Amino acid sequence: MNTITHPEKKKYTRITRAAVLGAAPVLALGLTGCNTAGAEDSADVEDVQELDEEEPVEEPTDEAVDADESGNGSEFEYDGVYDQAFYDDFDAVYLGGIVSVTAVVNDVVSPEAFTLAAADDTSVTELLVLHDGSATNVEPDADVRVTGTAEENFIITDAEESMGVDLDDDAFSEWEGMPYIDANTIDGSVDLDE
């Protein structure tokens, strides 16, 4: 008896056969890559644990944790009163670092800026402080503690862009190119007389 196969089934049988024959070499190559015999180049868990036991990590001393680069035991590059020594070291030592300076407000330049003066030495150059304008306790002769980043050169256009404000060019022209502090916090509750 002859079997009659539908022409569509013949087509699918050929496609299936071709797919199986084409996949067989790929599967054979894939399985040969699963061989675990031979030398291994990677580390196992015991190697890692042995390494940790052989080379202990040296813990920092309490003194090293408490002190920073300036050696003053503070989290700031500088934490103290505004004086001539601080101003002289501003560019060489503190530039780019976080400083905390206690001083007297000399002049309010704008709602976003004021200058600091040394409490005990009137010959120290004033230092410009920029802030976000939220400090309400800033007025001339007030004692303040300013914490922020010691910046190298005040440039009016850069300050306006970063702060999103329009500064009075005439009021700020004398500060152009001078060092300044970009303040994060301003504490008006300090008292330099204590």
C-alpha atoms as a PDB file:
ATOM      1  CA  MET A   1       0.000   0.000   0.000  1.00  0.00           C
ATOM      2  CA  ASN A   2       1.321   3.353  -0.919  1.00  0.00           C
ATOM      3  CA  THR A   3       1.208   6.163   1.579  1.00  0.00           C
ATOM      4  CA  ILE A   4       0.305   9.514   0.261  1.00  0.00           C
ATOM      5  CA  THR A   5       1.807  12.447   2.094  1.00  0.00           C
ATOM      6  CA  HIS A   6       0.289  15.802   1.906  1.00  0.00           C
ATOM      7  CA  PRO A   7       2.594  18.278   0.061  1.00  0.00           C
ATOM      8  CA  GLU A   8       2.580  20.761   2.976  1.00  0.00           C
ATOM      9  CA  LYS A   9       3.792  18.082   5.442  1.00  0.00           C
ATOM     10  CA  LYS A  10       6.689  17.208   3.119  1.00  0.00           C
ATOM     11  CA  LYS A  11       7.780  20.818   3.223  1.00  0.00           C
ATOM     12  CA  TYR A  12       7.779  20.922   7.060  1.00  0.00           C
ATOM     13  CA  THR A  13       9.620  17.607   7.267  1.00  0.00           C
ATOM     14  CA  ARG A  14      12.433  18.922   5.094  1.00  0.00           C
ATOM     15  CA  ILE A  15      12.679  22.130   7.139  1.00  0.00           C
ATOM     16  CA  THR A  16      12.759  20.178  10.399  1.00  0.00           C
ATOM     17  CA  ARG A  17      15.425  17.808   9.073  1.00  0.00           C
ATOM     18  CA  ALA A  18      17.549  20.740   7.883  1.00  0.00           C
ATOM     19  CA  ALA A  19      17.226  22.490  11.241  1.00  0.00           C
ATOM     20  CA  VAL A  20      18.260  19.395  13.190  1.00  0.00           C
ATOM     21  CA  LEU A  21      21.206  18.707  10.897  1.00  0.00           C
ATOM     22  CA  GLY A  22      22.322  22.346  11.101  1.00  0.00           C
ATOM     23  CA  ALA A  23      22.050  22.465  14.897  1.00  0.00           C
ATOM     24  CA  ALA A  24      23.942  19.230  15.525  1.00  0.00           C
ATOM     25  CA  PRO A  25      27.469  20.634  14.850  1.00  0.00           C
ATOM     26  CA  VAL A  26      26.762  23.734  16.971  1.00  0.00           C
ATOM     27  CA  LEU A  27      25.617  21.579  19.896  1.00  0.00           C
ATOM     28  CA  ALA A  28      28.642  19.316  19.555  1.00  0.00           C
ATOM     29  CA  LEU A  29      31.029  22.290  19.682  1.00  0.00           C
ATOM     30  CA  GLY A  30      29.172  23.758  22.649  1.00  0.00           C
ATOM     31  CA  LEU A  31      29.433  20.567  24.649  1.00  0.00           C
ATOM     32  CA  THR A  32      33.194  20.260  24.073  1.00  0.00           C
ATOM     33  CA  GLY A  33      33.654  23.633  25.789  1.00  0.00           C
ATOM     34  CA  CYS A  34      32.145  22.225  29.005  1.00  0.00           C
ATOM     35  CA  ASN A  35      35.153  20.006  29.708  1.00  0.00           C
ATOM     36  CA  THR A  36      36.476  20.582  33.252  1.00  0.00           C
ATOM     37  CA  ALA A  37      39.660  18.598  32.881  1.00  0.00           C
ATOM     38  CA  GLY A  38      42.959  20.486  32.863  1.00  0.00           C
ATOM     39  CA  ALA A  39      44.563  23.343  34.771  1.00  0.00           C
ATOM     40  CA  GLU A  40      42.409  26.174  36.056  1.00  0.00           C
ATOM     41  CA  ASP A  41      43.704  29.741  35.966  1.00  0.00           C
ATOM     42  CA  SER A  42      41.072  31.284  38.212  1.00  0.00           C
ATOM     43  CA  ALA A  43      41.149  31.496  42.007  1.00  0.00           C
ATOM     44  CA  ASP A  44      38.845  29.478  44.196  1.00  0.00           C
ATOM     45  CA  VAL A  45      37.380  30.383  47.589  1.00  0.00           C
ATOM     46  CA  GLU A  46      40.241  28.852  49.578  1.00  0.00           C
ATOM     47  CA  ASP A  47      42.816  30.919  47.675  1.00  0.00           C
ATOM     48  CA  VAL A  48      40.977  34.122  48.469  1.00  0.00           C
ATOM     49  CA  GLN A  49      40.656  33.245  52.143  1.00  0.00           C
ATOM     50  CA  GLU A  50      44.329  32.300  52.358  1.00  0.00           C
ATOM     51  CA  LEU A  51      45.321  35.616  50.769  1.00  0.00           C
ATOM     52  CA  ASP A  52      43.282  37.531  53.356  1.00  0.00           C
ATOM     53  CA  GLU A  53      44.944  35.582  56.181  1.00  0.00           C
ATOM     54  CA  GLU A  54      48.449  36.136  54.787  1.00  0.00           C
ATOM     55  CA  GLU A  55      48.122  39.908  54.286  1.00  0.00           C
ATOM     56  CA  PRO A  56      46.129  41.498  57.117  1.00  0.00           C
ATOM     57  CA  VAL A  57      44.754  44.963  56.497  1.00  0.00           C
ATOM     58  CA  GLU A  58      46.327  47.560  58.742  1.00  0.00           C
ATOM     59  CA  GLU A  59      43.664  49.452  60.675  1.00  0.00           C
ATOM     60  CA  PRO A  60      44.172  53.210  61.103  1.00  0.00           C
ATOM     61  CA  THR A  61      45.026  54.453  64.555  1.00  0.00           C
ATOM     62  CA  ASP A  62      42.619  56.607  66.546  1.00  0.00           C
ATOM     63  CA  GLU A  63      44.926  59.569  66.020  1.00  0.00           C
ATOM     64  CA  ALA A  64      44.866  59.111  62.240  1.00  0.00           C
ATOM     65  CA  VAL A  65      41.084  58.916  62.214  1.00  0.00           C
ATOM     66  CA  ASP A  66      40.714  62.042  64.346  1.00  0.00           C
ATOM     67  CA  ALA A  67      43.254  64.212  62.540  1.00  0.00           C
ATOM     68  CA  ASP A  68      43.082  65.475  58.999  1.00  0.00           C
ATOM     69  CA  GLU A  69      45.857  66.776  56.716  1.00  0.00           C
ATOM     70  CA  SER A  70      46.098  70.053  58.573  1.00  0.00           C
ATOM     71  CA  GLY A  71      46.617  68.192  61.813  1.00  0.00           C
ATOM     72  CA  ASN A  72      44.006  70.155  63.708  1.00  0.00           C
ATOM     73  CA  GLY A  73      41.755  67.189  64.527  1.00  0.00           C
ATOM     74  CA  SER A  74      38.855  68.687  62.552  1.00  0.00           C
ATOM     75  CA  GLU A  75      36.897  67.543  59.551  1.00  0.00           C
ATOM     76  CA  PHE A  76      37.904  70.789  57.811  1.00  0.00           C
ATOM     77  CA  GLU A  77      41.141  71.823  56.122  1.00  0.00           C
ATOM     78  CA  TYR A  78      41.011  74.823  58.433  1.00  0.00           C
ATOM     79  CA  ASP A  79      38.840  75.404  61.482  1.00  0.00           C
ATOM     80  CA  GLY A  80      39.601  78.615  63.317  1.00  0.00           C
ATOM     81  CA  VAL A  81      39.549  82.382  63.370  1.00  0.00           C
ATOM     82  CA  TYR A  82      40.154  84.503  60.314  1.00  0.00           C
ATOM     83  CA  ASP A  83      43.633  85.987  60.625  1.00  0.00           C
ATOM     84  CA  GLN A  84      46.687  86.887  58.560  1.00  0.00           C
ATOM     85  CA  ALA A  85      48.150  83.373  58.729  1.00  0.00           C
ATOM     86  CA  PHE A  86      44.959  81.901  57.253  1.00  0.00           C
ATOM     87  CA  TYR A  87      44.864  84.522  54.488  1.00  0.00           C
ATOM     88  CA  ASP A  88      48.551  83.987  53.642  1.00  0.00           C
ATOM     89  CA  ASP A  89      48.076  80.201  53.390  1.00  0.00           C
ATOM     90  CA  PHE A  90      44.747  80.401  51.543  1.00  0.00           C
ATOM     91  CA  ASP A  91      46.070  79.680  48.018  1.00  0.00           C
ATOM     92  CA  ALA A  92      48.885  77.309  48.965  1.00  0.00           C
ATOM     93  CA  VAL A  93      47.219  75.220  51.680  1.00  0.00           C
ATOM     94  CA  TYR A  94      43.440  75.528  51.774  1.00  0.00           C
ATOM     95  CA  LEU A  95      42.467  76.068  48.135  1.00  0.00           C
ATOM     96  CA  GLY A  96      39.705  73.662  47.091  1.00  0.00           C
ATOM     97  CA  GLY A  97      39.256  72.377  50.631  1.00  0.00           C
ATOM     98  CA  ILE A  98      36.432  72.850  53.094  1.00  0.00           C
ATOM     99  CA  VAL A  99      37.241  75.555  55.629  1.00  0.00           C
ATOM    100  CA  SER A 100      35.397  76.843  58.661  1.00  0.00           C
ATOM    101  CA  VAL A 101      36.306  80.411  59.544  1.00  0.00           C
ATOM    102  CA  THR A 102      35.093  82.515  62.447  1.00  0.00           C
ATOM    103  CA  ALA A 103      35.273  86.256  61.837  1.00  0.00           C
ATOM    104  CA  VAL A 104      33.469  89.567  61.862  1.00  0.00           C
ATOM    105  CA  VAL A 105      31.242  90.656  58.977  1.00  0.00           C
ATOM    106  CA  ASN A 106      32.873  93.745  57.554  1.00  0.00           C
ATOM    107  CA  ASP A 107      30.551  94.729  54.737  1.00  0.00           C
ATOM    108  CA  VAL A 108      27.382  93.305  53.157  1.00  0.00           C
ATOM    109  CA  VAL A 109      27.985  93.562  49.407  1.00  0.00           C
ATOM    110  CA  SER A 110      24.659  92.058  48.276  1.00  0.00           C
ATOM    111  CA  PRO A 111      22.025  89.641  49.591  1.00  0.00           C
ATOM    112  CA  GLU A 112      24.300  86.839  48.318  1.00  0.00           C
ATOM    113  CA  ALA A 113      27.689  88.162  49.467  1.00  0.00           C
ATOM    114  CA  PHE A 114      29.554  89.810  52.311  1.00  0.00           C
ATOM    115  CA  THR A 115      33.148  90.302  53.397  1.00  0.00           C
ATOM    116  CA  LEU A 116      34.954  89.012  56.468  1.00  0.00           C
ATOM    117  CA  ALA A 117      37.392  90.963  58.599  1.00  0.00           C
ATOM    118  CA  ALA A 118      39.737  89.655  61.254  1.00  0.00           C
ATOM    119  CA  ALA A 119      38.458  90.357  64.746  1.00  0.00           C
ATOM    120  CA  ASP A 120      41.776  91.388  66.293  1.00  0.00           C
ATOM    121  CA  ASP A 121      43.840  92.616  63.336  1.00  0.00           C
ATOM    122  CA  THR A 122      42.472  95.317  61.061  1.00  0.00           C
ATOM    123  CA  SER A 123      45.415  95.020  58.665  1.00  0.00           C
ATOM    124  CA  VAL A 124      44.259  91.597  57.365  1.00  0.00           C
ATOM    125  CA  THR A 125      42.776  91.805  53.862  1.00  0.00           C
ATOM    126  CA  GLU A 126      39.011  91.356  53.717  1.00  0.00           C
ATOM    127  CA  LEU A 127      37.781  88.010  52.377  1.00  0.00           C
ATOM    128  CA  LEU A 128      34.715  87.724  50.142  1.00  0.00           C
ATOM    129  CA  VAL A 129      32.033  85.155  51.046  1.00  0.00           C
ATOM    130  CA  LEU A 130      29.376  84.048  48.546  1.00  0.00           C
ATOM    131  CA  HIS A 131      26.236  82.235  49.702  1.00  0.00           C
ATOM    132  CA  ASP A 132      22.755  81.352  48.469  1.00  0.00           C
ATOM    133  CA  GLY A 133      21.149  84.438  49.998  1.00  0.00           C
ATOM    134  CA  SER A 134      19.292  82.576  52.728  1.00  0.00           C
ATOM    135  CA  ALA A 135      21.449  83.917  55.584  1.00  0.00           C
ATOM    136  CA  THR A 136      19.347  86.505  57.375  1.00  0.00           C
ATOM    137  CA  ASN A 137      21.635  87.210  60.328  1.00  0.00           C
ATOM    138  CA  VAL A 138      24.432  88.766  58.268  1.00  0.00           C
ATOM    139  CA  GLU A 139      25.032  92.419  59.081  1.00  0.00           C
ATOM    140  CA  PRO A 140      28.161  94.546  59.583  1.00  0.00           C
ATOM    141  CA  ASP A 141      30.062  93.892  62.835  1.00  0.00           C
ATOM    142  CA  ALA A 142      28.227  90.596  63.450  1.00  0.00           C
ATOM    143  CA  ASP A 143      30.293  87.573  64.508  1.00  0.00           C
ATOM    144  CA  VAL A 144      29.825  84.645  62.101  1.00  0.00           C
ATOM    145  CA  ARG A 145      31.205  81.220  61.447  1.00  0.00           C
ATOM    146  CA  VAL A 146      31.382  80.535  57.709  1.00  0.00           C
ATOM    147  CA  THR A 147      31.844  77.006  56.403  1.00  0.00           C
ATOM    148  CA  GLY A 148      32.457  76.404  52.712  1.00  0.00           C
ATOM    149  CA  THR A 149      34.929  75.773  49.921  1.00  0.00           C
ATOM    150  CA  ALA A 150      38.052  77.908  49.600  1.00  0.00           C
ATOM    151  CA  GLU A 151      38.014  79.160  46.004  1.00  0.00           C
ATOM    152  CA  GLU A 152      40.898  80.726  44.086  1.00  0.00           C
ATOM    153  CA  ASN A 153      39.617  83.505  41.818  1.00  0.00           C
ATOM    154  CA  PHE A 154      36.320  85.308  42.011  1.00  0.00           C
ATOM    155  CA  ILE A 155      34.977  85.926  38.512  1.00  0.00           C
ATOM    156  CA  ILE A 156      31.680  87.808  38.374  1.00  0.00           C
ATOM    157  CA  THR A 157      30.269  86.017  35.321  1.00  0.00           C
ATOM    158  CA  ASP A 158      31.126  82.568  36.715  1.00  0.00           C
ATOM    159  CA  ALA A 159      29.539  83.423  40.069  1.00  0.00           C
ATOM    160  CA  GLU A 160      26.390  84.735  38.395  1.00  0.00           C
ATOM    161  CA  GLU A 161      26.091  81.585  36.317  1.00  0.00           C
ATOM    162  CA  SER A 162      26.663  79.136  39.193  1.00  0.00           C
ATOM    163  CA  MET A 163      24.395  81.038  41.605  1.00  0.00           C
ATOM    164  CA  GLY A 164      21.697  81.907  39.067  1.00  0.00           C
ATOM    165  CA  VAL A 165      21.679  85.598  40.040  1.00  0.00           C
ATOM    166  CA  ASP A 166      22.634  88.919  38.488  1.00  0.00           C
ATOM    167  CA  LEU A 167      25.342  90.537  40.621  1.00  0.00           C
ATOM    168  CA  ASP A 168      26.074  94.262  40.524  1.00  0.00           C
ATOM    169  CA  ASP A 169      29.288  94.529  38.478  1.00  0.00           C
ATOM    170  CA  ASP A 170      30.293  97.797  40.158  1.00  0.00           C
ATOM    171  CA  ALA A 171      29.872  96.397  43.667  1.00  0.00           C
ATOM    172  CA  PHE A 172      31.892  93.247  42.873  1.00  0.00           C
ATOM    173  CA  SER A 173      34.570  94.652  40.556  1.00  0.00           C
ATOM    174  CA  GLU A 174      37.110  95.122  43.362  1.00  0.00           C
ATOM    175  CA  TRP A 175      36.836  91.381  44.186  1.00  0.00           C
ATOM    176  CA  GLU A 176      37.492  90.180  40.643  1.00  0.00           C
ATOM    177  CA  GLY A 177      40.405  87.696  40.681  1.00  0.00           C
ATOM    178  CA  MET A 178      40.559  87.574  44.499  1.00  0.00           C
ATOM    179  CA  PRO A 179      40.200  84.453  46.665  1.00  0.00           C
ATOM    180  CA  TYR A 180      36.810  83.832  48.271  1.00  0.00           C
ATOM    181  CA  ILE A 181      34.756  81.285  50.193  1.00  0.00           C
ATOM    182  CA  ASP A 182      31.762  79.624  48.555  1.00  0.00           C
ATOM    183  CA  ALA A 183      29.726  79.166  51.753  1.00  0.00           C
ATOM    184  CA  ASN A 184      27.569  76.161  52.573  1.00  0.00           C
ATOM    185  CA  THR A 185      26.576  77.339  56.054  1.00  0.00           C
ATOM    186  CA  ILE A 186      26.687  80.608  57.940  1.00  0.00           C
ATOM    187  CA  ASP A 187      26.268  80.509  61.698  1.00  0.00           C
ATOM    188  CA  GLY A 188      25.423  83.828  63.277  1.00  0.00           C
ATOM    189  CA  SER A 189      25.191  82.468  66.815  1.00  0.00           C
ATOM    190  CA  VAL A 190      28.936  82.563  67.506  1.00  0.00           C
ATOM    191  CA  ASP A 191      30.564  85.107  69.803  1.00  0.00           C
ATOM    192  CA  LEU A 192      34.229  85.964  69.245  1.00  0.00           C
ATOM    193  CA  ASP A 193      34.447  87.597  72.675  1.00  0.00           C
ATOM    194  CA  GLU A 194      33.881  84.299  74.512  1.00  0.00           C
END
